[in-house]
Amino acid sequence: MTHDQFMAHLFPELGPEHRSADEIMHSFVEQIALLIKSQWYWGAICSLEAEELLANEPVGTFLVRDSRNGNYVFSLSLVTREKIIHSRLEKYNGHYCLGGPYAIVKSPCLVTFIEEAMKCSLGGNHCILMHSSTHGNSDTVMLTNPLKRVNQMPSLQYFCRLAIREHLKDGNKLKKLPLPEALIKYVATKKYLLMK
């Protein structure tokens, strides 16, 4: 098998076998760049971190992350009615899907797959079924609320408070700063303060 044939076999979704390895890799790199721009893609976080992020979110909230299993590239973490579930995003015949090769929603591009799964969930026309590995029952899942990285970022005000506290070290010096009383009170508050 030639290198080009191997690359076409490895990434069948990126085109027919006559495409060169460079063309296939360029297309793959474009797809990864598109994925990184997607706010619901969280990168290399583990399932426990995903559960912490999703803990108080409504049903249908999800994120995509790197899979910890070496046989898969991506995993989906999702809030269902009963619990937070994690599913590896498998590819069948070069298409991402949930629920196996006969799934209604599938796409060679992960971003397109997630967008189509969201449309399907929001439209209510089709159900996405996932089969648990621990029992034979299938669960109906909805991908309706992407957990966006940008929404989880602390505010600039929070970072300023953190910088002031880190710089002063001594809480007594805080009262001597030329700041309004309300701001001094905010800076003095320890709630959610993460310091090294």
N, C-alpha and C. Protein backbone atom coordinates (compact mmCIF):
# COMPACT_ATOMS: atom_id res chain seq x y z
N MET A 1 0.85 -1.17 0.00
CA MET A 1 0.00 0.00 0.00
C MET A 1 0.90 1.24 0.00
N THR A 2 0.63 2.17 -0.89
CA THR A 2 1.41 3.41 -0.94
C THR A 2 1.01 4.33 0.20
N HIS A 3 1.82 5.35 0.42
CA HIS A 3 1.52 6.33 1.47
C HIS A 3 0.19 7.03 1.19
N ASP A 4 -0.05 7.42 -0.07
CA ASP A 4 -1.31 8.08 -0.43
C ASP A 4 -2.50 7.17 -0.18
N GLN A 5 -2.36 5.89 -0.53
CA GLN A 5 -3.45 4.94 -0.30
C GLN A 5 -3.70 4.76 1.20
N PHE A 6 -2.61 4.71 1.97
CA PHE A 6 -2.75 4.58 3.42
C PHE A 6 -3.49 5.78 4.00
N MET A 7 -3.11 7.00 3.59
CA MET A 7 -3.77 8.21 4.10
C MET A 7 -5.24 8.23 3.69
N ALA A 8 -5.55 7.82 2.47
CA ALA A 8 -6.94 7.77 2.03
C ALA A 8 -7.72 6.75 2.83
N HIS A 9 -7.08 5.65 3.19
CA HIS A 9 -7.73 4.63 4.02
C HIS A 9 -7.95 5.16 5.44
N LEU A 10 -6.97 5.88 5.95
CA LEU A 10 -7.05 6.42 7.31
C LEU A 10 -8.11 7.53 7.41
N PHE A 11 -8.23 8.35 6.38
CA PHE A 11 -9.19 9.46 6.36
C PHE A 11 -10.10 9.37 5.14
N PRO A 12 -10.96 8.35 5.06
CA PRO A 12 -11.80 8.19 3.87
C PRO A 12 -12.76 9.34 3.66
N GLU A 13 -13.10 10.05 4.72
CA GLU A 13 -14.04 11.16 4.60
C GLU A 13 -13.44 12.36 3.89
N LEU A 14 -12.14 12.35 3.71
CA LEU A 14 -11.49 13.50 3.12
C LEU A 14 -11.31 13.38 1.61
N GLY A 15 -11.84 12.35 1.02
CA GLY A 15 -11.80 12.28 -0.43
C GLY A 15 -11.44 10.93 -0.97
N PRO A 16 -11.58 10.78 -2.27
CA PRO A 16 -11.26 9.51 -2.92
C PRO A 16 -9.77 9.21 -2.86
N GLU A 17 -9.45 7.97 -3.16
CA GLU A 17 -8.07 7.51 -3.02
C GLU A 17 -7.08 8.26 -3.90
N HIS A 18 -7.55 8.88 -4.98
CA HIS A 18 -6.59 9.54 -5.87
C HIS A 18 -6.07 10.87 -5.31
N ARG A 19 -6.61 11.33 -4.19
CA ARG A 19 -6.09 12.56 -3.58
C ARG A 19 -4.74 12.27 -2.94
N SER A 20 -3.87 13.24 -2.99
CA SER A 20 -2.54 13.04 -2.42
C SER A 20 -2.59 13.14 -0.90
N ALA A 21 -1.56 12.63 -0.26
CA ALA A 21 -1.47 12.71 1.20
C ALA A 21 -1.46 14.16 1.66
N ASP A 22 -0.81 15.03 0.89
CA ASP A 22 -0.78 16.46 1.25
C ASP A 22 -2.18 17.07 1.22
N GLU A 23 -2.96 16.73 0.19
CA GLU A 23 -4.33 17.25 0.10
C GLU A 23 -5.18 16.74 1.26
N ILE A 24 -5.02 15.47 1.58
CA ILE A 24 -5.80 14.87 2.67
C ILE A 24 -5.42 15.52 3.99
N MET A 25 -4.14 15.68 4.25
CA MET A 25 -3.69 16.28 5.50
C MET A 25 -4.13 17.74 5.59
N HIS A 26 -4.08 18.46 4.46
CA HIS A 26 -4.52 19.86 4.46
C HIS A 26 -6.00 19.94 4.84
N SER A 27 -6.81 19.07 4.27
CA SER A 27 -8.23 19.04 4.59
C SER A 27 -8.45 18.68 6.06
N PHE A 28 -7.69 17.71 6.55
CA PHE A 28 -7.80 17.30 7.96
C PHE A 28 -7.42 18.46 8.88
N VAL A 29 -6.35 19.16 8.56
CA VAL A 29 -5.90 20.31 9.36
C VAL A 29 -6.98 21.39 9.36
N GLU A 30 -7.63 21.62 8.21
CA GLU A 30 -8.72 22.60 8.15
C GLU A 30 -9.87 22.20 9.08
N GLN A 31 -10.19 20.90 9.10
CA GLN A 31 -11.27 20.43 9.98
C GLN A 31 -10.90 20.62 11.45
N ILE A 32 -9.65 20.35 11.81
CA ILE A 32 -9.21 20.53 13.19
C ILE A 32 -9.25 22.02 13.56
N ALA A 33 -8.84 22.89 12.65
CA ALA A 33 -8.88 24.34 12.91
C ALA A 33 -10.32 24.79 13.13
N LEU A 34 -11.25 24.27 12.34
CA LEU A 34 -12.67 24.58 12.51
C LEU A 34 -13.17 24.08 13.86
N LEU A 35 -12.73 22.91 14.25
CA LEU A 35 -13.13 22.34 15.54
C LEU A 35 -12.63 23.20 16.69
N ILE A 36 -11.39 23.63 16.63
CA ILE A 36 -10.81 24.43 17.71
C ILE A 36 -11.56 25.75 17.87
N LYS A 37 -12.09 26.29 16.79
CA LYS A 37 -12.87 27.53 16.86
C LYS A 37 -14.25 27.30 17.47
N SER A 38 -14.71 26.07 17.51
CA SER A 38 -16.03 25.76 18.06
C SER A 38 -15.98 25.89 19.58
N GLN A 39 -16.83 26.72 20.13
CA GLN A 39 -16.80 27.00 21.56
C GLN A 39 -17.17 25.80 22.42
N TRP A 40 -17.84 24.80 21.87
CA TRP A 40 -18.23 23.61 22.64
C TRP A 40 -17.12 22.57 22.69
N TYR A 41 -16.02 22.81 22.00
CA TYR A 41 -14.88 21.89 22.04
C TYR A 41 -13.94 22.34 23.15
N TRP A 42 -13.72 21.46 24.12
CA TRP A 42 -12.95 21.80 25.31
C TRP A 42 -11.54 21.20 25.32
N GLY A 43 -11.17 20.44 24.31
CA GLY A 43 -9.82 19.91 24.25
C GLY A 43 -9.56 18.78 25.23
N ALA A 44 -8.38 18.80 25.83
CA ALA A 44 -7.90 17.68 26.65
C ALA A 44 -8.35 17.78 28.10
N ILE A 45 -9.66 17.67 28.33
CA ILE A 45 -10.14 17.56 29.71
C ILE A 45 -10.64 16.13 29.91
N CYS A 46 -10.61 15.66 31.14
CA CYS A 46 -11.05 14.29 31.43
C CYS A 46 -12.54 14.28 31.74
N SER A 47 -13.11 13.09 31.88
CA SER A 47 -14.54 12.96 32.14
C SER A 47 -14.94 13.61 33.47
N LEU A 48 -14.08 13.53 34.48
CA LEU A 48 -14.40 14.15 35.77
C LEU A 48 -14.46 15.67 35.66
N GLU A 49 -13.54 16.25 34.91
CA GLU A 49 -13.57 17.70 34.69
C GLU A 49 -14.82 18.09 33.91
N ALA A 50 -15.19 17.27 32.92
CA ALA A 50 -16.41 17.53 32.15
C ALA A 50 -17.63 17.48 33.06
N GLU A 51 -17.66 16.51 33.97
CA GLU A 51 -18.79 16.40 34.89
C GLU A 51 -18.88 17.61 35.81
N GLU A 52 -17.75 18.12 36.25
CA GLU A 52 -17.76 19.33 37.09
C GLU A 52 -18.33 20.51 36.31
N LEU A 53 -17.94 20.65 35.05
CA LEU A 53 -18.42 21.75 34.23
C LEU A 53 -19.92 21.63 33.94
N LEU A 54 -20.40 20.40 33.77
CA LEU A 54 -21.80 20.17 33.40
C LEU A 54 -22.73 19.98 34.60
N ALA A 55 -22.18 19.93 35.79
CA ALA A 55 -22.94 19.53 37.00
C ALA A 55 -24.25 20.27 37.19
N ASN A 56 -24.31 21.55 37.01
CA ASN A 56 -25.53 22.32 37.28
C ASN A 56 -26.21 22.82 36.01
N GLU A 57 -25.91 22.18 34.91
CA GLU A 57 -26.45 22.61 33.63
C GLU A 57 -27.75 21.86 33.31
N PRO A 58 -28.61 22.45 32.47
CA PRO A 58 -29.87 21.79 32.13
C PRO A 58 -29.68 20.61 31.18
N VAL A 59 -30.70 19.76 31.11
CA VAL A 59 -30.71 18.62 30.20
C VAL A 59 -30.45 19.11 28.78
N GLY A 60 -29.61 18.39 28.06
CA GLY A 60 -29.28 18.75 26.69
C GLY A 60 -27.99 19.54 26.55
N THR A 61 -27.41 19.93 27.69
CA THR A 61 -26.14 20.66 27.65
C THR A 61 -25.01 19.66 27.39
N PHE A 62 -24.09 20.03 26.53
CA PHE A 62 -23.03 19.10 26.14
C PHE A 62 -21.73 19.83 25.86
N LEU A 63 -20.67 19.05 25.80
CA LEU A 63 -19.38 19.53 25.33
C LEU A 63 -18.68 18.38 24.64
N VAL A 64 -17.74 18.71 23.78
CA VAL A 64 -16.91 17.71 23.10
C VAL A 64 -15.50 17.90 23.62
N ARG A 65 -14.82 16.80 23.86
CA ARG A 65 -13.46 16.84 24.42
C ARG A 65 -12.62 15.76 23.75
N ASP A 66 -11.33 15.81 23.98
CA ASP A 66 -10.45 14.76 23.47
C ASP A 66 -10.73 13.48 24.25
N SER A 67 -10.73 12.37 23.55
CA SER A 67 -10.96 11.08 24.19
C SER A 67 -9.70 10.63 24.91
N ARG A 68 -9.88 10.02 26.07
CA ARG A 68 -8.74 9.46 26.82
C ARG A 68 -8.39 8.07 26.31
N ASN A 69 -9.29 7.48 25.53
CA ASN A 69 -9.07 6.16 24.96
C ASN A 69 -8.27 6.31 23.67
N GLY A 70 -7.16 5.64 23.58
CA GLY A 70 -6.29 5.75 22.41
C GLY A 70 -6.90 5.30 21.10
N ASN A 71 -8.01 4.57 21.15
CA ASN A 71 -8.66 4.10 19.92
C ASN A 71 -9.64 5.12 19.35
N TYR A 72 -9.88 6.20 20.07
CA TYR A 72 -10.83 7.21 19.63
C TYR A 72 -10.18 8.58 19.73
N VAL A 73 -10.68 9.52 18.96
CA VAL A 73 -10.11 10.86 18.99
C VAL A 73 -10.92 11.78 19.90
N PHE A 74 -12.27 11.69 19.83
CA PHE A 74 -13.12 12.61 20.58
C PHE A 74 -14.17 11.87 21.40
N SER A 75 -14.62 12.54 22.47
CA SER A 75 -15.72 12.05 23.30
C SER A 75 -16.72 13.17 23.49
N LEU A 76 -17.97 12.78 23.71
CA LEU A 76 -19.06 13.71 23.97
C LEU A 76 -19.48 13.53 25.42
N SER A 77 -19.60 14.61 26.16
CA SER A 77 -20.13 14.57 27.53
C SER A 77 -21.43 15.35 27.50
N LEU A 78 -22.49 14.76 28.08
CA LEU A 78 -23.84 15.27 27.88
C LEU A 78 -24.70 15.11 29.12
N VAL A 79 -25.51 16.12 29.42
CA VAL A 79 -26.45 16.05 30.54
C VAL A 79 -27.75 15.44 30.04
N THR A 80 -28.16 14.31 30.66
CA THR A 80 -29.45 13.69 30.35
C THR A 80 -30.37 13.89 31.54
N ARG A 81 -31.58 13.36 31.43
CA ARG A 81 -32.54 13.50 32.54
C ARG A 81 -32.04 12.83 33.81
N GLU A 82 -31.30 11.75 33.67
CA GLU A 82 -30.88 10.98 34.84
C GLU A 82 -29.46 11.28 35.32
N LYS A 83 -28.55 11.57 34.39
CA LYS A 83 -27.15 11.73 34.78
C LYS A 83 -26.36 12.36 33.65
N ILE A 84 -25.09 12.56 33.91
CA ILE A 84 -24.17 13.01 32.87
C ILE A 84 -23.57 11.77 32.24
N ILE A 85 -23.65 11.68 30.93
CA ILE A 85 -23.09 10.52 30.24
C ILE A 85 -21.92 10.95 29.36
N HIS A 86 -21.07 9.99 29.08
CA HIS A 86 -19.91 10.22 28.22
C HIS A 86 -19.96 9.17 27.12
N SER A 87 -19.73 9.60 25.91
CA SER A 87 -19.74 8.67 24.78
C SER A 87 -18.59 9.00 23.84
N ARG A 88 -17.90 7.97 23.44
CA ARG A 88 -16.86 8.19 22.43
C ARG A 88 -17.56 8.48 21.10
N LEU A 89 -17.02 9.43 20.37
CA LEU A 89 -17.60 9.74 19.06
C LEU A 89 -16.93 8.85 18.03
N GLU A 90 -17.67 7.85 17.62
CA GLU A 90 -17.11 6.87 16.70
C GLU A 90 -17.29 7.31 15.26
N LYS A 91 -16.47 6.75 14.41
CA LYS A 91 -16.59 6.97 12.97
C LYS A 91 -16.89 5.64 12.31
N TYR A 92 -17.93 5.64 11.52
CA TYR A 92 -18.28 4.47 10.71
C TYR A 92 -18.22 4.91 9.26
N ASN A 93 -17.44 4.21 8.47
CA ASN A 93 -17.26 4.55 7.06
C ASN A 93 -16.93 6.03 6.87
N GLY A 94 -16.08 6.54 7.76
CA GLY A 94 -15.63 7.92 7.63
C GLY A 94 -16.61 8.97 8.13
N HIS A 95 -17.68 8.55 8.81
CA HIS A 95 -18.69 9.50 9.30
C HIS A 95 -18.82 9.43 10.82
N TYR A 96 -18.81 10.60 11.47
CA TYR A 96 -19.08 10.67 12.91
C TYR A 96 -20.57 10.44 13.13
N CYS A 97 -20.89 9.71 14.20
CA CYS A 97 -22.30 9.48 14.52
C CYS A 97 -22.43 9.00 15.95
N LEU A 98 -23.66 9.03 16.46
CA LEU A 98 -24.00 8.45 17.76
C LEU A 98 -25.00 7.34 17.49
N GLY A 99 -24.83 6.23 18.14
CA GLY A 99 -25.81 5.15 18.00
C GLY A 99 -25.50 4.14 16.93
N GLY A 100 -24.35 4.19 16.32
CA GLY A 100 -23.96 3.16 15.37
C GLY A 100 -24.01 3.61 13.92
N PRO A 101 -23.64 2.71 13.02
CA PRO A 101 -23.49 3.07 11.61
C PRO A 101 -24.80 3.43 10.91
N TYR A 102 -25.95 3.08 11.49
CA TYR A 102 -27.23 3.37 10.84
C TYR A 102 -27.90 4.60 11.43
N ALA A 103 -27.14 5.41 12.14
CA ALA A 103 -27.68 6.63 12.75
C ALA A 103 -28.20 7.57 11.68
N ILE A 104 -29.25 8.30 12.01
CA ILE A 104 -29.83 9.26 11.07
C ILE A 104 -28.90 10.44 10.86
N VAL A 105 -28.29 10.91 11.94
CA VAL A 105 -27.40 12.06 11.87
C VAL A 105 -25.96 11.56 11.82
N LYS A 106 -25.26 11.93 10.75
CA LYS A 106 -23.85 11.57 10.62
C LYS A 106 -23.20 12.52 9.63
N SER A 107 -21.90 12.68 9.77
CA SER A 107 -21.16 13.57 8.88
C SER A 107 -19.67 13.23 8.94
N PRO A 108 -18.96 13.44 7.84
CA PRO A 108 -17.51 13.23 7.85
C PRO A 108 -16.77 14.29 8.67
N CYS A 109 -17.42 15.42 8.91
CA CYS A 109 -16.82 16.52 9.68
C CYS A 109 -17.48 16.57 11.05
N LEU A 110 -16.68 16.57 12.11
CA LEU A 110 -17.22 16.58 13.47
C LEU A 110 -18.06 17.82 13.74
N VAL A 111 -17.61 18.98 13.29
CA VAL A 111 -18.35 20.22 13.52
C VAL A 111 -19.72 20.14 12.84
N THR A 112 -19.75 19.67 11.61
CA THR A 112 -21.02 19.52 10.90
C THR A 112 -21.91 18.50 11.59
N PHE A 113 -21.33 17.41 12.07
CA PHE A 113 -22.11 16.40 12.79
C PHE A 113 -22.79 17.01 14.02
N ILE A 114 -22.03 17.76 14.82
CA ILE A 114 -22.59 18.37 16.03
C ILE A 114 -23.69 19.37 15.65
N GLU A 115 -23.45 20.18 14.63
CA GLU A 115 -24.46 21.15 14.19
C GLU A 115 -25.74 20.45 13.74
N GLU A 116 -25.60 19.35 12.99
CA GLU A 116 -26.78 18.60 12.53
C GLU A 116 -27.49 17.91 13.69
N ALA A 117 -26.73 17.39 14.64
CA ALA A 117 -27.34 16.75 15.82
C ALA A 117 -28.11 17.78 16.64
N MET A 118 -27.59 19.00 16.72
CA MET A 118 -28.31 20.06 17.43
C MET A 118 -29.60 20.42 16.71
N LYS A 119 -29.54 20.56 15.39
CA LYS A 119 -30.75 20.86 14.61
C LYS A 119 -31.79 19.77 14.81
N CYS A 120 -31.34 18.54 14.77
CA CYS A 120 -32.23 17.39 14.97
C CYS A 120 -32.87 17.45 16.35
N SER A 121 -32.09 17.73 17.36
CA SER A 121 -32.59 17.79 18.74
C SER A 121 -33.54 18.97 18.94
N LEU A 122 -33.18 20.12 18.40
CA LEU A 122 -34.01 21.32 18.58
C LEU A 122 -35.30 21.23 17.77
N GLY A 123 -35.23 20.58 16.61
CA GLY A 123 -36.41 20.45 15.76
C GLY A 123 -37.40 19.43 16.28
N GLY A 124 -36.92 18.46 17.05
CA GLY A 124 -37.80 17.44 17.61
C GLY A 124 -38.32 16.44 16.61
N ASN A 125 -37.80 16.46 15.38
CA ASN A 125 -38.28 15.53 14.36
C ASN A 125 -37.73 14.12 14.54
N HIS A 126 -36.53 14.03 15.04
CA HIS A 126 -35.87 12.73 15.21
C HIS A 126 -35.28 12.64 16.60
N CYS A 127 -35.13 11.43 17.07
CA CYS A 127 -34.47 11.19 18.35
C CYS A 127 -33.08 10.64 18.08
N ILE A 128 -32.16 10.99 18.92
CA ILE A 128 -30.83 10.40 18.86
C ILE A 128 -30.79 9.35 19.95
N LEU A 129 -30.54 8.12 19.56
CA LEU A 129 -30.49 7.02 20.52
C LEU A 129 -29.05 6.63 20.77
N MET A 130 -28.75 6.39 22.03
CA MET A 130 -27.43 5.90 22.40
C MET A 130 -27.61 4.65 23.21
N HIS A 131 -26.81 3.65 22.93
CA HIS A 131 -26.87 2.39 23.66
C HIS A 131 -25.78 2.37 24.72
N SER A 132 -26.17 2.10 25.94
CA SER A 132 -25.22 2.03 27.04
C SER A 132 -24.41 0.74 26.94
N SER A 133 -23.17 0.81 27.34
CA SER A 133 -22.34 -0.40 27.33
C SER A 133 -22.64 -1.29 28.53
N THR A 134 -23.33 -0.73 29.54
CA THR A 134 -23.59 -1.51 30.76
C THR A 134 -24.93 -2.22 30.74
N HIS A 135 -25.87 -1.73 29.96
CA HIS A 135 -27.16 -2.41 29.86
C HIS A 135 -27.68 -2.29 28.44
N GLY A 136 -28.62 -3.13 28.08
CA GLY A 136 -29.10 -3.19 26.71
C GLY A 136 -30.05 -2.08 26.32
N ASN A 137 -30.53 -1.29 27.27
CA ASN A 137 -31.49 -0.24 26.95
C ASN A 137 -30.81 0.91 26.23
N SER A 138 -31.58 1.59 25.39
CA SER A 138 -31.05 2.77 24.73
C SER A 138 -31.63 4.01 25.38
N ASP A 139 -30.89 5.08 25.34
CA ASP A 139 -31.31 6.36 25.90
C ASP A 139 -31.54 7.34 24.77
N THR A 140 -32.61 8.12 24.88
CA THR A 140 -32.83 9.21 23.96
C THR A 140 -32.06 10.41 24.48
N VAL A 141 -31.25 10.99 23.65
CA VAL A 141 -30.45 12.13 24.08
C VAL A 141 -30.73 13.32 23.18
N MET A 142 -30.52 14.49 23.74
CA MET A 142 -30.71 15.73 22.99
C MET A 142 -29.46 16.59 23.15
N LEU A 143 -28.97 17.10 22.05
CA LEU A 143 -27.86 18.05 22.08
C LEU A 143 -28.45 19.42 21.77
N THR A 144 -28.82 20.15 22.81
CA THR A 144 -29.50 21.43 22.60
C THR A 144 -28.72 22.64 23.10
N ASN A 145 -27.90 22.45 24.11
CA ASN A 145 -27.20 23.58 24.73
C ASN A 145 -25.70 23.32 24.76
N PRO A 146 -24.96 23.84 23.79
CA PRO A 146 -23.51 23.65 23.86
C PRO A 146 -22.93 24.44 25.03
N LEU A 147 -22.10 23.80 25.84
CA LEU A 147 -21.43 24.50 26.93
C LEU A 147 -20.23 25.21 26.32
N LYS A 148 -20.32 26.50 26.21
CA LYS A 148 -19.29 27.28 25.52
C LYS A 148 -18.18 27.69 26.46
N ARG A 149 -16.96 27.54 25.99
CA ARG A 149 -15.80 27.92 26.79
C ARG A 149 -15.85 29.39 27.19
N VAL A 150 -16.27 30.23 26.28
CA VAL A 150 -16.28 31.67 26.54
C VAL A 150 -17.20 32.02 27.71
N ASN A 151 -18.27 31.26 27.92
CA ASN A 151 -19.19 31.53 29.02
C ASN A 151 -18.63 31.11 30.37
N GLN A 152 -17.59 30.33 30.38
CA GLN A 152 -17.01 29.84 31.62
C GLN A 152 -15.80 30.65 32.06
N MET A 153 -15.45 31.63 31.29
CA MET A 153 -14.28 32.45 31.63
C MET A 153 -14.65 33.44 32.72
N PRO A 154 -13.79 33.62 33.71
CA PRO A 154 -14.03 34.65 34.73
C PRO A 154 -14.00 36.04 34.08
N SER A 155 -14.64 36.98 34.73
CA SER A 155 -14.70 38.35 34.21
C SER A 155 -13.36 39.06 34.41
N LEU A 156 -13.21 40.16 33.70
CA LEU A 156 -12.01 40.99 33.87
C LEU A 156 -11.96 41.53 35.30
N GLN A 157 -13.12 41.85 35.84
CA GLN A 157 -13.20 42.33 37.23
C GLN A 157 -12.62 41.28 38.18
N TYR A 158 -12.95 40.02 37.94
CA TYR A 158 -12.44 38.92 38.77
C TYR A 158 -10.91 38.84 38.68
N PHE A 159 -10.38 38.93 37.44
CA PHE A 159 -8.93 38.86 37.27
C PHE A 159 -8.23 40.05 37.93
N CYS A 160 -8.85 41.22 37.87
CA CYS A 160 -8.27 42.39 38.54
C CYS A 160 -8.23 42.17 40.05
N ARG A 161 -9.32 41.64 40.60
CA ARG A 161 -9.36 41.35 42.04
C ARG A 161 -8.26 40.36 42.40
N LEU A 162 -8.10 39.33 41.58
CA LEU A 162 -7.08 38.32 41.81
C LEU A 162 -5.68 38.95 41.78
N ALA A 163 -5.43 39.84 40.81
CA ALA A 163 -4.12 40.48 40.68
C ALA A 163 -3.83 41.37 41.89
N ILE A 164 -4.84 42.12 42.33
CA ILE A 164 -4.65 42.99 43.49
C ILE A 164 -4.33 42.16 44.73
N ARG A 165 -5.11 41.11 44.94
CA ARG A 165 -4.90 40.25 46.12
C ARG A 165 -3.53 39.57 46.07
N GLU A 166 -3.14 39.13 44.89
CA GLU A 166 -1.84 38.46 44.73
C GLU A 166 -0.70 39.44 45.01
N HIS A 167 -0.86 40.67 44.55
CA HIS A 167 0.19 41.68 44.72
C HIS A 167 0.32 42.15 46.17
N LEU A 168 -0.80 42.32 46.85
CA LEU A 168 -0.77 42.85 48.22
C LEU A 168 -0.37 41.81 49.26
N LYS A 169 -0.83 40.61 49.11
CA LYS A 169 -0.58 39.51 50.05
C LYS A 169 -1.19 39.80 51.43
N ASP A 170 -1.01 41.00 51.94
CA ASP A 170 -1.50 41.37 53.27
C ASP A 170 -2.85 42.09 53.12
N GLY A 171 -3.90 41.50 53.67
CA GLY A 171 -5.25 42.06 53.57
C GLY A 171 -5.40 43.43 54.22
N ASN A 172 -4.55 43.76 55.19
CA ASN A 172 -4.63 45.07 55.86
C ASN A 172 -4.25 46.22 54.92
N LYS A 173 -3.37 45.96 53.97
CA LYS A 173 -2.96 46.99 53.01
C LYS A 173 -4.10 47.34 52.06
N LEU A 174 -5.03 46.43 51.89
CA LEU A 174 -6.15 46.64 50.97
C LEU A 174 -6.96 47.87 51.36
N LYS A 175 -7.17 48.08 52.63
CA LYS A 175 -7.98 49.21 53.12
C LYS A 175 -7.32 50.56 52.84
N LYS A 176 -6.02 50.55 52.59
CA LYS A 176 -5.29 51.80 52.35
C LYS A 176 -5.28 52.19 50.87
N LEU A 177 -5.80 51.32 50.00
CA LEU A 177 -5.83 51.62 48.57
C LEU A 177 -6.82 52.75 48.27
N PRO A 178 -6.51 53.62 47.30
CA PRO A 178 -7.42 54.71 46.95
C PRO A 178 -8.57 54.20 46.07
N LEU A 179 -9.42 53.37 46.65
CA LEU A 179 -10.55 52.78 45.92
C LEU A 179 -11.84 53.07 46.68
N PRO A 180 -12.98 53.11 45.96
CA PRO A 180 -14.27 53.28 46.64
C PRO A 180 -14.51 52.11 47.61
N GLU A 181 -15.27 52.36 48.66
CA GLU A 181 -15.54 51.36 49.70
C GLU A 181 -16.13 50.07 49.12
N ALA A 182 -17.07 50.20 48.17
CA ALA A 182 -17.70 49.01 47.58
C ALA A 182 -16.67 48.15 46.85
N LEU A 183 -15.73 48.79 46.18
CA LEU A 183 -14.70 48.05 45.45
C LEU A 183 -13.73 47.38 46.42
N ILE A 184 -13.38 48.05 47.49
CA ILE A 184 -12.51 47.44 48.51
C ILE A 184 -13.19 46.21 49.10
N LYS A 185 -14.48 46.31 49.34
CA LYS A 185 -15.24 45.18 49.89
C LYS A 185 -15.23 44.00 48.90
N TYR A 186 -15.41 44.30 47.60
CA TYR A 186 -15.38 43.25 46.58
C TYR A 186 -14.01 42.58 46.52
N VAL A 187 -12.96 43.38 46.51
CA VAL A 187 -11.60 42.84 46.42
C VAL A 187 -11.28 42.00 47.65
N ALA A 188 -11.81 42.39 48.81
CA ALA A 188 -11.55 41.66 50.06
C ALA A 188 -12.27 40.31 50.12
N THR A 189 -13.33 40.18 49.36
CA THR A 189 -14.11 38.93 49.38
C THR A 189 -13.27 37.76 48.89
N LYS A 190 -13.38 36.62 49.56
CA LYS A 190 -12.58 35.44 49.18
C LYS A 190 -13.36 34.45 48.35
N LYS A 191 -14.64 34.68 48.12
CA LYS A 191 -15.47 33.74 47.38
C LYS A 191 -14.90 33.53 45.97
N TYR A 192 -14.69 32.27 45.61
CA TYR A 192 -14.18 31.84 44.30
C TYR A 192 -12.80 32.38 43.99
N LEU A 193 -12.03 32.72 44.99
CA LEU A 193 -10.70 33.26 44.75
C LEU A 193 -9.71 32.12 44.63
N LEU A 194 -9.11 31.98 43.47
CA LEU A 194 -8.11 30.92 43.24
C LEU A 194 -6.74 31.56 43.21
N MET A 195 -5.94 31.23 44.19
CA MET A 195 -4.59 31.79 44.24
C MET A 195 -3.57 30.67 44.33
N LYS A 196 -2.39 30.92 43.82
CA LYS A 196 -1.32 29.92 43.85
C LYS A 196 -0.80 29.73 45.25
